């Protein structure tokens, strides 16, 4: 889970933990890339508007990692225009979800 809004990230992380997921939280793009290397997650929920490198660049860097199992990358963002979805796909995201996310959708991740 990567979001620069600490409260939003912590709340979503708690929900995912209650659903049985093991969670690591990062609050910027650089930390997101480092966490993928160290934590090897199955799924990364990645915000686009981050304070250092944006989510698009973080996704590109994650996809460029060699020798690392690639996670499913989901853009979880307030940016939901068609152009935003296209940019997310070009950066290597598998899915693009807009905030607020439906809890049922999150539950599907844990199945």
PDB file of N, CA and C in Angstrom:
ATOM      1  N   UNK A   1       0.854  -1.168   0.000  1.00  0.00           N
ATOM      2  CA  UNK A   1       0.000   0.000   0.000  1.00  0.00           C
ATOM      3  C   UNK A   1       0.896   1.226   0.000  1.00  0.00           C
ATOM      4  N   UNK A   2       0.708   2.086  -1.000  1.00  0.00           N
ATOM      5  CA  UNK A   2       1.511   3.301  -1.113  1.00  0.00           C
ATOM      6  C   UNK A   2       0.582   4.499  -1.284  1.00  0.00           C
ATOM      7  N   UNK A   3       0.636   5.405  -0.320  1.00  0.00           N
ATOM      8  CA  UNK A   3      -0.151   6.631  -0.394  1.00  0.00           C
ATOM      9  C   UNK A   3       0.528   7.675   0.471  1.00  0.00           C
ATOM     10  N   UNK A   4       0.642   8.896  -0.022  1.00  0.00           N
ATOM     11  CA  UNK A   4       1.272   9.954   0.767  1.00  0.00           C
ATOM     12  C   UNK A   4       0.354  10.467   1.870  1.00  0.00           C
ATOM     13  N   UNK A   5      -0.936  10.176   1.781  1.00  0.00           N
ATOM     14  CA  UNK A   5      -1.871  10.520   2.850  1.00  0.00           C
ATOM     15  C   UNK A   5      -1.779   9.400   3.896  1.00  0.00           C
ATOM     16  N   UNK A   6      -1.078   9.692   4.977  1.00  0.00           N
ATOM     17  CA  UNK A   6      -0.799   8.666   5.982  1.00  0.00           C
ATOM     18  C   UNK A   6      -2.069   8.075   6.583  1.00  0.00           C
ATOM     19  N   UNK A   7      -3.059   8.909   6.865  1.00  0.00           N
ATOM     20  CA  UNK A   7      -4.307   8.398   7.442  1.00  0.00           C
ATOM     21  C   UNK A   7      -5.018   7.448   6.482  1.00  0.00           C
ATOM     22  N   UNK A   8      -5.081   7.828   5.210  1.00  0.00           N
ATOM     23  CA  UNK A   8      -5.727   6.965   4.215  1.00  0.00           C
ATOM     24  C   UNK A   8      -4.984   5.645   4.075  1.00  0.00           C
ATOM     25  N   UNK A   9      -3.653   5.714   4.036  1.00  0.00           N
ATOM     26  CA  UNK A   9      -2.842   4.497   3.897  1.00  0.00           C
ATOM     27  C   UNK A   9      -3.028   3.585   5.105  1.00  0.00           C
ATOM     28  N   UNK A  10      -3.003   4.164   6.292  1.00  0.00           N
ATOM     29  CA  UNK A  10      -3.138   3.357   7.506  1.00  0.00           C
ATOM     30  C   UNK A  10      -4.521   2.720   7.612  1.00  0.00           C
ATOM     31  N   UNK A  11      -5.550   3.471   7.251  1.00  0.00           N
ATOM     32  CA  UNK A  11      -6.920   2.944   7.304  1.00  0.00           C
ATOM     33  C   UNK A  11      -7.087   1.784   6.325  1.00  0.00           C
ATOM     34  N   UNK A  12      -6.606   1.965   5.111  1.00  0.00           N
ATOM     35  CA  UNK A  12      -6.709   0.910   4.110  1.00  0.00           C
ATOM     36  C   UNK A  12      -5.869  -0.302   4.513  1.00  0.00           C
ATOM     37  N   UNK A  13      -4.701  -0.057   5.074  1.00  0.00           N
ATOM     38  CA  UNK A  13      -3.848  -1.160   5.536  1.00  0.00           C
ATOM     39  C   UNK A  13      -4.553  -1.956   6.637  1.00  0.00           C
ATOM     40  N   UNK A  14      -5.197  -1.268   7.562  1.00  0.00           N
ATOM     41  CA  UNK A  14      -5.928  -1.956   8.629  1.00  0.00           C
ATOM     42  C   UNK A  14      -7.046  -2.817   8.063  1.00  0.00           C
ATOM     43  N   UNK A  15      -7.774  -2.278   7.103  1.00  0.00           N
ATOM     44  CA  UNK A  15      -8.858  -3.032   6.473  1.00  0.00           C
ATOM     45  C   UNK A  15      -8.303  -4.285   5.796  1.00  0.00           C
ATOM     46  N   UNK A  16      -7.228  -4.143   5.056  1.00  0.00           N
ATOM     47  CA  UNK A  16      -6.633  -5.288   4.370  1.00  0.00           C
ATOM     48  C   UNK A  16      -6.095  -6.323   5.365  1.00  0.00           C
ATOM     49  N   UNK A  17      -5.546  -5.861   6.481  1.00  0.00           N
ATOM     50  CA  UNK A  17      -5.081  -6.788   7.515  1.00  0.00           C
ATOM     51  C   UNK A  17      -6.251  -7.551   8.115  1.00  0.00           C
ATOM     52  N   UNK A  18      -7.372  -6.871   8.335  1.00  0.00           N
ATOM     53  CA  UNK A  18      -8.560  -7.544   8.870  1.00  0.00           C
ATOM     54  C   UNK A  18      -9.073  -8.596   7.888  1.00  0.00           C
ATOM     55  N   UNK A  19      -8.803  -8.382   6.594  1.00  0.00           N
ATOM     56  CA  UNK A  19      -9.207  -9.345   5.576  1.00  0.00           C
ATOM     57  C   UNK A  19      -8.187 -10.478   5.423  1.00  0.00           C
ATOM     58  N   UNK A  20      -7.107 -10.414   6.216  1.00  0.00           N
ATOM     59  CA  UNK A  20      -6.145 -11.502   6.221  1.00  0.00           C
ATOM     60  C   UNK A  20      -4.877 -11.283   5.422  1.00  0.00           C
ATOM     61  N   UNK A  21      -4.656 -10.083   4.941  1.00  0.00           N
ATOM     62  CA  UNK A  21      -3.462  -9.802   4.145  1.00  0.00           C
ATOM     63  C   UNK A  21      -2.316  -9.335   5.020  1.00  0.00           C
ATOM     64  N   UNK A  22      -1.110  -9.667   4.609  1.00  0.00           N
ATOM     65  CA  UNK A  22       0.098  -9.126   5.228  1.00  0.00           C
ATOM     66  C   UNK A  22       0.409  -7.841   4.476  1.00  0.00           C
ATOM     67  N   UNK A  23       0.608  -6.743   5.191  1.00  0.00           N
ATOM     68  CA  UNK A  23       0.689  -5.419   4.580  1.00  0.00           C
ATOM     69  C   UNK A  23       1.990  -4.726   4.943  1.00  0.00           C
ATOM     70  N   UNK A  24       2.521  -4.006   3.965  1.00  0.00           N
ATOM     71  CA  UNK A  24       3.613  -3.067   4.183  1.00  0.00           C
ATOM     72  C   UNK A  24       3.149  -1.744   3.599  1.00  0.00           C
ATOM     73  N   UNK A  25       3.399  -0.650   4.301  1.00  0.00           N
ATOM     74  CA  UNK A  25       2.934   0.668   3.873  1.00  0.00           C
ATOM     75  C   UNK A  25       4.130   1.554   3.552  1.00  0.00           C
ATOM     76  N   UNK A  26       4.037   2.270   2.448  1.00  0.00           N
ATOM     77  CA  UNK A  26       5.022   3.280   2.070  1.00  0.00           C
ATOM     78  C   UNK A  26       4.267   4.565   1.766  1.00  0.00           C
ATOM     79  N   UNK A  27       4.976   5.705   1.874  1.00  0.00           N
ATOM     80  CA  UNK A  27       4.316   6.993   1.677  1.00  0.00           C
ATOM     81  C   UNK A  27       4.906   7.823   0.547  1.00  0.00           C
ATOM     82  N   UNK A  28       5.815   7.231  -0.223  1.00  0.00           N
ATOM     83  CA  UNK A  28       6.363   7.928  -1.385  1.00  0.00           C
ATOM     84  C   UNK A  28       6.829   6.897  -2.405  1.00  0.00           C
ATOM     85  N   UNK A  29       7.114   7.374  -3.604  1.00  0.00           N
ATOM     86  CA  UNK A  29       7.455   6.482  -4.703  1.00  0.00           C
ATOM     87  C   UNK A  29       8.765   5.735  -4.527  1.00  0.00           C
ATOM     88  N   UNK A  30       9.780   6.425  -4.044  1.00  0.00           N
ATOM     89  CA  UNK A  30      11.075   5.773  -3.823  1.00  0.00           C
ATOM     90  C   UNK A  30      10.934   4.621  -2.833  1.00  0.00           C
ATOM     91  N   UNK A  31      10.212   4.865  -1.751  1.00  0.00           N
ATOM     92  CA  UNK A  31       9.991   3.820  -0.746  1.00  0.00           C
ATOM     93  C   UNK A  31       9.173   2.675  -1.317  1.00  0.00           C
ATOM     94  N   UNK A  32       8.263   2.988  -2.230  1.00  0.00           N
ATOM     95  CA  UNK A  32       7.463   1.934  -2.872  1.00  0.00           C
ATOM     96  C   UNK A  32       8.363   0.963  -3.621  1.00  0.00           C
ATOM     97  N   UNK A  33       9.300   1.496  -4.389  1.00  0.00           N
ATOM     98  CA  UNK A  33      10.218   0.643  -5.150  1.00  0.00           C
ATOM     99  C   UNK A  33      11.063  -0.195  -4.203  1.00  0.00           C
ATOM    100  N   UNK A  34      11.604   0.421  -3.163  1.00  0.00           N
ATOM    101  CA  UNK A  34      12.417  -0.304  -2.174  1.00  0.00           C
ATOM    102  C   UNK A  34      11.600  -1.401  -1.497  1.00  0.00           C
ATOM    103  N   UNK A  35      10.349  -1.106  -1.179  1.00  0.00           N
ATOM    104  CA  UNK A  35       9.491  -2.087  -0.502  1.00  0.00           C
ATOM    105  C   UNK A  35       9.229  -3.289  -1.386  1.00  0.00           C
ATOM    106  N   UNK A  36       9.058  -3.075  -2.689  1.00  0.00           N
ATOM    107  CA  UNK A  36       8.847  -4.202  -3.604  1.00  0.00           C
ATOM    108  C   UNK A  36      10.062  -5.116  -3.584  1.00  0.00           C
ATOM    109  N   UNK A  37      11.245  -4.537  -3.544  1.00  0.00           N
ATOM    110  CA  UNK A  37      12.472  -5.341  -3.505  1.00  0.00           C
ATOM    111  C   UNK A  37      12.551  -6.130  -2.195  1.00  0.00           C
ATOM    112  N   UNK A  38      12.265  -5.483  -1.072  1.00  0.00           N
ATOM    113  CA  UNK A  38      12.426  -6.101   0.244  1.00  0.00           C
ATOM    114  C   UNK A  38      11.264  -7.004   0.644  1.00  0.00           C
ATOM    115  N   UNK A  39      10.060  -6.604   0.319  1.00  0.00           N
ATOM    116  CA  UNK A  39       8.861  -7.278   0.810  1.00  0.00           C
ATOM    117  C   UNK A  39       8.312  -8.310  -0.177  1.00  0.00           C
ATOM    118  N   UNK A  40       8.592  -8.139  -1.466  1.00  0.00           N
ATOM    119  CA  UNK A  40       8.113  -9.030  -2.534  1.00  0.00           C
ATOM    120  C   UNK A  40       6.596  -9.261  -2.450  1.00  0.00           C
ATOM    121  N   UNK A  41       5.808  -8.190  -2.539  1.00  0.00           N
ATOM    122  CA  UNK A  41       4.351  -8.336  -2.424  1.00  0.00           C
ATOM    123  C   UNK A  41       3.730  -8.973  -3.656  1.00  0.00           C
ATOM    124  N   UNK A  42       2.564  -9.557  -3.467  1.00  0.00           N
ATOM    125  CA  UNK A  42       1.779 -10.081  -4.583  1.00  0.00           C
ATOM    126  C   UNK A  42       1.073  -8.944  -5.318  1.00  0.00           C
ATOM    127  N   UNK A  43       0.627  -7.945  -4.541  1.00  0.00           N
ATOM    128  CA  UNK A  43      -0.147  -6.823  -5.073  1.00  0.00           C
ATOM    129  C   UNK A  43       0.385  -5.535  -4.463  1.00  0.00           C
ATOM    130  N   UNK A  44       0.443  -4.483  -5.276  1.00  0.00           N
ATOM    131  CA  UNK A  44       0.798  -3.150  -4.775  1.00  0.00           C
ATOM    132  C   UNK A  44      -0.322  -2.196  -5.166  1.00  0.00           C
ATOM    133  N   UNK A  45      -0.945  -1.583  -4.169  1.00  0.00           N
ATOM    134  CA  UNK A  45      -1.906  -0.504  -4.378  1.00  0.00           C
ATOM    135  C   UNK A  45      -1.092   0.776  -4.329  1.00  0.00           C
ATOM    136  N   UNK A  46      -0.995   1.478  -5.441  1.00  0.00           N
ATOM    137  CA  UNK A  46      -0.051   2.583  -5.589  1.00  0.00           C
ATOM    138  C   UNK A  46      -0.759   3.858  -6.023  1.00  0.00           C
ATOM    139  N   UNK A  47      -0.694   4.871  -5.172  1.00  0.00           N
ATOM    140  CA  UNK A  47      -1.255   6.172  -5.495  1.00  0.00           C
ATOM    141  C   UNK A  47      -0.413   6.802  -6.613  1.00  0.00           C
ATOM    142  N   UNK A  48      -1.000   7.690  -7.380  1.00  0.00           N
ATOM    143  CA  UNK A  48      -0.275   8.360  -8.459  1.00  0.00           C
ATOM    144  C   UNK A  48       0.374   9.652  -7.971  1.00  0.00           C
ATOM    145  N   UNK A  49      -0.357  10.461  -7.229  1.00  0.00           N
ATOM    146  CA  UNK A  49       0.163  11.752  -6.777  1.00  0.00           C
ATOM    147  C   UNK A  49       0.991  11.597  -5.519  1.00  0.00           C
ATOM    148  N   UNK A  50       2.289  11.394  -5.692  1.00  0.00           N
ATOM    149  CA  UNK A  50       3.198  11.193  -4.559  1.00  0.00           C
ATOM    150  C   UNK A  50       4.204  12.339  -4.492  1.00  0.00           C
ATOM    151  N   UNK A  51       4.802  12.580  -3.328  1.00  0.00           N
ATOM    152  CA  UNK A  51       5.632  13.770  -3.155  1.00  0.00           C
ATOM    153  C   UNK A  51       7.007  13.738  -3.834  1.00  0.00           C
ATOM    154  N   UNK A  52       7.558  12.595  -4.111  1.00  0.00           N
ATOM    155  CA  UNK A  52       8.891  12.564  -4.719  1.00  0.00           C
ATOM    156  C   UNK A  52       8.767  12.192  -6.193  1.00  0.00           C
ATOM    157  N   UNK A  53       8.772  10.921  -6.501  1.00  0.00           N
ATOM    158  CA  UNK A  53       8.468  10.493  -7.862  1.00  0.00           C
ATOM    159  C   UNK A  53       6.999  10.084  -7.875  1.00  0.00           C
ATOM    160  N   UNK A  54       6.308  10.353  -8.964  1.00  0.00           N
ATOM    161  CA  UNK A  54       4.891  10.008  -8.982  1.00  0.00           C
ATOM    162  C   UNK A  54       4.697   8.503  -9.169  1.00  0.00           C
ATOM    163  N   UNK A  55       3.466   8.073  -9.041  1.00  0.00           N
ATOM    164  CA  UNK A  55       3.160   6.650  -9.135  1.00  0.00           C
ATOM    165  C   UNK A  55       3.475   6.052 -10.483  1.00  0.00           C
ATOM    166  N   UNK A  56       3.359   6.852 -11.544  1.00  0.00           N
ATOM    167  CA  UNK A  56       3.707   6.354 -12.874  1.00  0.00           C
ATOM    168  C   UNK A  56       5.189   5.981 -12.932  1.00  0.00           C
ATOM    169  N   UNK A  57       6.034   6.879 -12.417  1.00  0.00           N
ATOM    170  CA  UNK A  57       7.484   6.613 -12.426  1.00  0.00           C
ATOM    171  C   UNK A  57       7.820   5.459 -11.493  1.00  0.00           C
ATOM    172  N   UNK A  58       7.161   5.393 -10.344  1.00  0.00           N
ATOM    173  CA  UNK A  58       7.405   4.264  -9.424  1.00  0.00           C
ATOM    174  C   UNK A  58       7.046   2.949 -10.113  1.00  0.00           C
ATOM    175  N   UNK A  59       5.927   2.923 -10.834  1.00  0.00           N
ATOM    176  CA  UNK A  59       5.526   1.702 -11.555  1.00  0.00           C
ATOM    177  C   UNK A  59       6.561   1.329 -12.605  1.00  0.00           C
ATOM    178  N   UNK A  60       7.048   2.317 -13.361  1.00  0.00           N
ATOM    179  CA  UNK A  60       8.081   2.030 -14.374  1.00  0.00           C
ATOM    180  C   UNK A  60       9.331   1.446 -13.725  1.00  0.00           C
ATOM    181  N   UNK A  61       9.724   2.012 -12.597  1.00  0.00           N
ATOM    182  CA  UNK A  61      10.921   1.507 -11.901  1.00  0.00           C
ATOM    183  C   UNK A  61      10.701   0.100 -11.355  1.00  0.00           C
ATOM    184  N   UNK A  62       9.508  -0.157 -10.846  1.00  0.00           N
ATOM    185  CA  UNK A  62       9.204  -1.510 -10.360  1.00  0.00           C
ATOM    186  C   UNK A  62       9.242  -2.494 -11.520  1.00  0.00           C
ATOM    187  N   UNK A  63       8.657  -2.137 -12.635  1.00  0.00           N
ATOM    188  CA  UNK A  63       8.648  -3.038 -13.796  1.00  0.00           C
ATOM    189  C   UNK A  63      10.048  -3.262 -14.356  1.00  0.00           C
ATOM    190  N   UNK A  64      10.960  -2.320 -14.124  1.00  0.00           N
ATOM    191  CA  UNK A  64      12.330  -2.447 -14.625  1.00  0.00           C
ATOM    192  C   UNK A  64      13.238  -3.257 -13.697  1.00  0.00           C
ATOM    193  N   UNK A  65      12.747  -3.595 -12.509  1.00  0.00           N
ATOM    194  CA  UNK A  65      13.569  -4.359 -11.562  1.00  0.00           C
ATOM    195  C   UNK A  65      13.863  -5.741 -12.127  1.00  0.00           C
ATOM    196  N   UNK A  66      15.116  -6.121 -12.068  1.00  0.00           N
ATOM    197  CA  UNK A  66      15.500  -7.452 -12.535  1.00  0.00           C
ATOM    198  C   UNK A  66      15.683  -8.375 -11.340  1.00  0.00           C
ATOM    199  N   UNK A  67      15.308  -9.630 -11.518  1.00  0.00           N
ATOM    200  CA  UNK A  67      15.473 -10.613 -10.462  1.00  0.00           C
ATOM    201  C   UNK A  67      14.472 -10.480  -9.332  1.00  0.00           C
ATOM    202  N   UNK A  68      13.402  -9.727  -9.565  1.00  0.00           N
ATOM    203  CA  UNK A  68      12.372  -9.520  -8.549  1.00  0.00           C
ATOM    204  C   UNK A  68      11.048 -10.017  -9.123  1.00  0.00           C
ATOM    205  N   UNK A  69      10.338 -10.825  -8.328  1.00  0.00           N
ATOM    206  CA  UNK A  69       9.009 -11.271  -8.754  1.00  0.00           C
ATOM    207  C   UNK A  69       8.124 -10.043  -8.898  1.00  0.00           C
ATOM    208  N   UNK A  70       7.501  -9.907 -10.037  1.00  0.00           N
ATOM    209  CA  UNK A  70       6.698  -8.725 -10.320  1.00  0.00           C
ATOM    210  C   UNK A  70       5.308  -8.837  -9.684  1.00  0.00           C
ATOM    211  N   UNK A  71       4.919  -7.822  -8.917  1.00  0.00           N
ATOM    212  CA  UNK A  71       3.590  -7.828  -8.306  1.00  0.00           C
ATOM    213  C   UNK A  71       2.532  -7.343  -9.291  1.00  0.00           C
ATOM    214  N   UNK A  72       1.294  -7.582  -8.932  1.00  0.00           N
ATOM    215  CA  UNK A  72       0.180  -6.958  -9.636  1.00  0.00           C
ATOM    216  C   UNK A  72       0.150  -5.504  -9.173  1.00  0.00           C
ATOM    217  N   UNK A  73       0.248  -4.566 -10.093  1.00  0.00           N
ATOM    218  CA  UNK A  73       0.246  -3.147  -9.758  1.00  0.00           C
ATOM    219  C   UNK A  73      -1.130  -2.554 -10.025  1.00  0.00           C
ATOM    220  N   UNK A  74      -1.706  -1.967  -8.975  1.00  0.00           N
ATOM    221  CA  UNK A  74      -3.015  -1.332  -9.088  1.00  0.00           C
ATOM    222  C   UNK A  74      -2.867   0.142  -8.724  1.00  0.00           C
ATOM    223  N   UNK A  75      -3.164   1.007  -9.680  1.00  0.00           N
ATOM    224  CA  UNK A  75      -3.209   2.434  -9.384  1.00  0.00           C
ATOM    225  C   UNK A  75      -4.460   2.682  -8.552  1.00  0.00           C
ATOM    226  N   UNK A  76      -4.278   3.218  -7.365  1.00  0.00           N
ATOM    227  CA  UNK A  76      -5.406   3.568  -6.493  1.00  0.00           C
ATOM    228  C   UNK A  76      -5.311   5.067  -6.275  1.00  0.00           C
ATOM    229  N   UNK A  77      -6.130   5.825  -7.001  1.00  0.00           N
ATOM    230  CA  UNK A  77      -5.918   7.256  -7.103  1.00  0.00           C
ATOM    231  C   UNK A  77      -7.220   8.019  -7.251  1.00  0.00           C
ATOM    232  N   UNK A  78      -7.154   9.281  -7.011  1.00  0.00           N
ATOM    233  CA  UNK A  78      -8.281  10.162  -7.266  1.00  0.00           C
ATOM    234  C   UNK A  78      -8.336  10.609  -8.714  1.00  0.00           C
ATOM    235  N   UNK A  79      -7.313  10.268  -9.474  1.00  0.00           N
ATOM    236  CA  UNK A  79      -7.217  10.655 -10.882  1.00  0.00           C
ATOM    237  C   UNK A  79      -7.884   9.578 -11.723  1.00  0.00           C
ATOM    238  N   UNK A  80      -9.063   9.862 -12.262  1.00  0.00           N
ATOM    239  CA  UNK A  80      -9.831   8.814 -12.924  1.00  0.00           C
ATOM    240  C   UNK A  80     -10.247   9.093 -14.355  1.00  0.00           C
ATOM    241  N   UNK A  81      -9.641  10.102 -14.979  1.00  0.00           N
ATOM    242  CA  UNK A  81      -9.973  10.400 -16.367  1.00  0.00           C
ATOM    243  C   UNK A  81      -9.394   9.335 -17.298  1.00  0.00           C
ATOM    244  N   UNK A  82      -9.894   9.276 -18.506  1.00  0.00           N
ATOM    245  CA  UNK A  82      -9.398   8.296 -19.485  1.00  0.00           C
ATOM    246  C   UNK A  82      -7.895   8.448 -19.714  1.00  0.00           C
ATOM    247  N   UNK A  83      -7.413   9.678 -19.767  1.00  0.00           N
ATOM    248  CA  UNK A  83      -5.972   9.912 -19.944  1.00  0.00           C
ATOM    249  C   UNK A  83      -5.176   9.327 -18.774  1.00  0.00           C
ATOM    250  N   UNK A  84      -5.703   9.444 -17.558  1.00  0.00           N
ATOM    251  CA  UNK A  84      -5.039   8.887 -16.381  1.00  0.00           C
ATOM    252  C   UNK A  84      -4.947   7.370 -16.490  1.00  0.00           C
ATOM    253  N   UNK A  85      -6.000   6.745 -16.948  1.00  0.00           N
ATOM    254  CA  UNK A  85      -6.015   5.289 -17.128  1.00  0.00           C
ATOM    255  C   UNK A  85      -5.012   4.865 -18.206  1.00  0.00           C
ATOM    256  N   UNK A  86      -4.950   5.634 -19.270  1.00  0.00           N
ATOM    257  CA  UNK A  86      -4.013   5.327 -20.350  1.00  0.00           C
ATOM    258  C   UNK A  86      -2.568   5.466 -19.863  1.00  0.00           C
ATOM    259  N   UNK A  87      -2.276   6.541 -19.135  1.00  0.00           N
ATOM    260  CA  UNK A  87      -0.929   6.745 -18.598  1.00  0.00           C
ATOM    261  C   UNK A  87      -0.553   5.631 -17.625  1.00  0.00           C
ATOM    262  N   UNK A  88      -1.521   5.183 -16.830  1.00  0.00           N
ATOM    263  CA  UNK A  88      -1.263   4.092 -15.887  1.00  0.00           C
ATOM    264  C   UNK A  88      -0.908   2.814 -16.633  1.00  0.00           C
ATOM    265  N   UNK A  89      -1.654   2.496 -17.660  1.00  0.00           N
ATOM    266  CA  UNK A  89      -1.366   1.295 -18.446  1.00  0.00           C
ATOM    267  C   UNK A  89       0.012   1.396 -19.101  1.00  0.00           C
ATOM    268  N   UNK A  90       0.341   2.555 -19.632  1.00  0.00           N
ATOM    269  CA  UNK A  90       1.641   2.754 -20.269  1.00  0.00           C
ATOM    270  C   UNK A  90       2.789   2.627 -19.268  1.00  0.00           C
ATOM    271  N   UNK A  91       2.547   2.991 -18.014  1.00  0.00           N
ATOM    272  CA  UNK A  91       3.580   2.913 -16.981  1.00  0.00           C
ATOM    273  C   UNK A  91       3.767   1.497 -16.446  1.00  0.00           C
ATOM    274  N   UNK A  92       2.830   0.596 -16.763  1.00  0.00           N
ATOM    275  CA  UNK A  92       2.970  -0.785 -16.323  1.00  0.00           C
ATOM    276  C   UNK A  92       1.966  -1.250 -15.287  1.00  0.00           C
ATOM    277  N   UNK A  93       0.971  -0.417 -14.988  1.00  0.00           N
ATOM    278  CA  UNK A  93      -0.065  -0.845 -14.052  1.00  0.00           C
ATOM    279  C   UNK A  93      -0.939  -1.912 -14.695  1.00  0.00           C
ATOM    280  N   UNK A  94      -1.398  -2.843 -13.877  1.00  0.00           N
ATOM    281  CA  UNK A  94      -2.321  -3.883 -14.330  1.00  0.00           C
ATOM    282  C   UNK A  94      -3.768  -3.426 -14.262  1.00  0.00           C
ATOM    283  N   UNK A  95      -4.075  -2.563 -13.279  1.00  0.00           N
ATOM    284  CA  UNK A  95      -5.436  -2.067 -13.068  1.00  0.00           C
ATOM    285  C   UNK A  95      -5.374  -0.613 -12.637  1.00  0.00           C
ATOM    286  N   UNK A  96      -6.505   0.073 -12.782  1.00  0.00           N
ATOM    287  CA  UNK A  96      -6.615   1.474 -12.363  1.00  0.00           C
ATOM    288  C   UNK A  96      -7.922   1.620 -11.598  1.00  0.00           C
ATOM    289  N   UNK A  97      -7.823   1.891 -10.295  1.00  0.00           N
ATOM    290  CA  UNK A  97      -9.002   2.070  -9.452  1.00  0.00           C
ATOM    291  C   UNK A  97      -9.039   3.509  -8.966  1.00  0.00           C
ATOM    292  N   UNK A  98     -10.232   4.075  -8.893  1.00  0.00           N
ATOM    293  CA  UNK A  98     -10.348   5.422  -8.352  1.00  0.00           C
ATOM    294  C   UNK A  98     -10.823   5.361  -6.896  1.00  0.00           C
ATOM    295  N   UNK A  99     -10.375   6.351  -6.145  1.00  0.00           N
ATOM    296  CA  UNK A  99     -10.757   6.474  -4.740  1.00  0.00           C
ATOM    297  C   UNK A  99     -12.141   7.091  -4.658  1.00  0.00           C
ATOM    298  N   UNK A 100     -12.915   6.765  -3.671  1.00  0.00           N
ATOM    299  CA  UNK A 100     -12.660   5.735  -2.658  1.00  0.00           C
ATOM    300  C   UNK A 100     -12.921   4.352  -3.236  1.00  0.00           C
ATOM    301  N   UNK A 101     -12.130   3.406  -2.806  1.00  0.00           N
ATOM    302  CA  UNK A 101     -12.252   2.045  -3.321  1.00  0.00           C
ATOM    303  C   UNK A 101     -13.389   1.322  -2.598  1.00  0.00           C
ATOM    304  N   UNK A 102     -14.103   0.522  -3.335  1.00  0.00           N
ATOM    305  CA  UNK A 102     -15.179  -0.296  -2.802  1.00  0.00           C
ATOM    306  C   UNK A 102     -14.564  -1.428  -1.968  1.00  0.00           C
ATOM    307  N   UNK A 103     -14.952  -1.578  -0.698  1.00  0.00           N
ATOM    308  CA  UNK A 103     -14.390  -2.644   0.138  1.00  0.00           C
ATOM    309  C   UNK A 103     -14.547  -4.040  -0.473  1.00  0.00           C
ATOM    310  N   UNK A 104     -15.616  -4.259  -1.231  1.00  0.00           N
ATOM    311  CA  UNK A 104     -15.809  -5.556  -1.889  1.00  0.00           C
ATOM    312  C   UNK A 104     -14.678  -5.811  -2.888  1.00  0.00           C
ATOM    313  N   UNK A 105     -14.255  -4.781  -3.556  1.00  0.00           N
ATOM    314  CA  UNK A 105     -13.153  -4.901  -4.511  1.00  0.00           C
ATOM    315  C   UNK A 105     -11.862  -5.296  -3.787  1.00  0.00           C
ATOM    316  N   UNK A 106     -11.645  -4.703  -2.630  1.00  0.00           N
ATOM    317  CA  UNK A 106     -10.473  -5.062  -1.830  1.00  0.00           C
ATOM    318  C   UNK A 106     -10.549  -6.500  -1.359  1.00  0.00           C
ATOM    319  N   UNK A 107     -11.736  -6.919  -0.983  1.00  0.00           N
ATOM    320  CA  UNK A 107     -11.934  -8.278  -0.513  1.00  0.00           C
ATOM    321  C   UNK A 107     -11.578  -9.280  -1.602  1.00  0.00           C
ATOM    322  N   UNK A 108     -11.826  -8.952  -2.839  1.00  0.00           N
ATOM    323  CA  UNK A 108     -11.481  -9.823  -3.948  1.00  0.00           C
ATOM    324  C   UNK A 108      -9.979 -10.045  -4.060  1.00  0.00           C
ATOM    325  N   UNK A 109      -9.196  -9.079  -3.612  1.00  0.00           N
ATOM    326  CA  UNK A 109      -7.732  -9.216  -3.640  1.00  0.00           C
ATOM    327  C   UNK A 109      -7.246 -10.309  -2.697  1.00  0.00           C
ATOM    328  N   UNK A 110      -7.995 -10.536  -1.638  1.00  0.00           N
ATOM    329  CA  UNK A 110      -7.549 -11.483  -0.612  1.00  0.00           C
ATOM    330  C   UNK A 110      -8.055 -12.900  -0.862  1.00  0.00           C
ATOM    331  N   UNK A 111      -8.813 -13.096  -1.909  1.00  0.00           N
ATOM    332  CA  UNK A 111      -9.344 -14.429  -2.207  1.00  0.00           C
ATOM    333  C   UNK A 111      -8.378 -15.229  -3.021  1.00  0.00           C
TER     334      UNK A 111
END
